[in-house]
């Protein structure tokens, strides 16, 4: 995965706070960001494979939903 900024750290802080954290360190926000981006990349790769297997060049929501299940 590239070092490109895909998800903002502020969004990670919101997620942590919505889950009950009073405070979140910058390292915790960065760790959550890295994990979420890795998971998202895996799902996206599987979704693309599913769309290609179906003979499409467009990735549809069904591809993403199915890809996220395994």
Protein backbone atom coordinates (compact mmCIF):
# COMPACT_ATOMS: atom_id res chain seq x y z
CA UNK A 1 0.00 0.00 0.00
CA UNK A 2 1.28 3.44 -0.80
CA UNK A 3 1.92 6.15 1.74
CA UNK A 4 -0.75 8.26 0.05
CA UNK A 5 -3.23 9.83 2.46
CA UNK A 6 -6.49 7.98 1.84
CA UNK A 7 -8.29 8.42 5.14
CA UNK A 8 -7.91 11.42 7.44
CA UNK A 9 -6.83 10.93 11.04
CA UNK A 10 -9.79 13.06 12.14
CA UNK A 11 -12.12 10.36 10.84
CA UNK A 12 -10.22 7.76 12.88
CA UNK A 13 -10.66 9.91 15.97
CA UNK A 14 -14.41 10.14 15.32
CA UNK A 15 -14.64 6.37 15.00
CA UNK A 16 -12.73 5.82 18.24
CA UNK A 17 -14.82 8.40 20.09
CA UNK A 18 -18.08 6.96 18.73
CA UNK A 19 -16.95 3.63 20.17
CA UNK A 20 -16.46 5.12 23.61
CA UNK A 21 -12.92 6.48 23.74
CA UNK A 22 -12.61 9.73 25.67
CA UNK A 23 -9.24 10.46 24.08
CA UNK A 24 -7.18 8.86 21.34
CA UNK A 25 -3.45 9.20 20.78
CA UNK A 26 -2.06 10.07 17.37
CA UNK A 27 -0.42 6.64 17.26
CA UNK A 28 -3.77 4.94 17.92
CA UNK A 29 -5.42 6.96 15.16
CA UNK A 30 -2.59 6.12 12.75
CA UNK A 31 -2.73 2.42 13.65
CA UNK A 32 -6.50 2.29 13.08
CA UNK A 33 -6.03 4.12 9.77
CA UNK A 34 -3.40 1.61 8.61
CA UNK A 35 -5.55 -1.38 9.56
CA UNK A 36 -8.70 0.01 7.92
CA UNK A 37 -6.82 0.93 4.73
CA UNK A 38 -5.32 -2.58 4.53
CA UNK A 39 -8.72 -4.21 4.99
CA UNK A 40 -10.30 -1.85 2.45
CA UNK A 41 -7.59 -2.61 -0.12
CA UNK A 42 -8.12 -6.37 0.31
CA UNK A 43 -11.88 -6.00 -0.13
CA UNK A 44 -11.43 -3.74 -3.16
CA UNK A 45 -9.08 -6.23 -4.83
CA UNK A 46 -11.56 -9.07 -4.30
CA UNK A 47 -14.43 -6.89 -5.56
CA UNK A 48 -12.53 -6.09 -8.75
CA UNK A 49 -11.86 -9.79 -9.31
CA UNK A 50 -15.55 -10.55 -8.84
CA UNK A 51 -16.60 -7.91 -11.35
CA UNK A 52 -14.06 -9.15 -13.91
CA UNK A 53 -15.21 -12.73 -13.33
CA UNK A 54 -18.76 -11.54 -14.05
CA UNK A 55 -17.60 -9.99 -17.32
CA UNK A 56 -17.93 -6.39 -16.14
CA UNK A 57 -15.47 -3.54 -15.89
CA UNK A 58 -17.68 -1.71 -13.39
CA UNK A 59 -17.43 -2.71 -9.74
CA UNK A 60 -20.90 -2.76 -8.23
CA UNK A 61 -22.02 -2.58 -4.63
CA UNK A 62 -22.90 -6.28 -4.76
CA UNK A 63 -19.25 -7.06 -5.60
CA UNK A 64 -18.03 -5.08 -2.59
CA UNK A 65 -20.60 -6.67 -0.28
CA UNK A 66 -19.74 -10.17 -1.46
CA UNK A 67 -16.00 -9.49 -1.27
CA UNK A 68 -16.33 -8.30 2.32
CA UNK A 69 -17.85 -11.62 3.40
CA UNK A 70 -14.67 -13.65 2.88
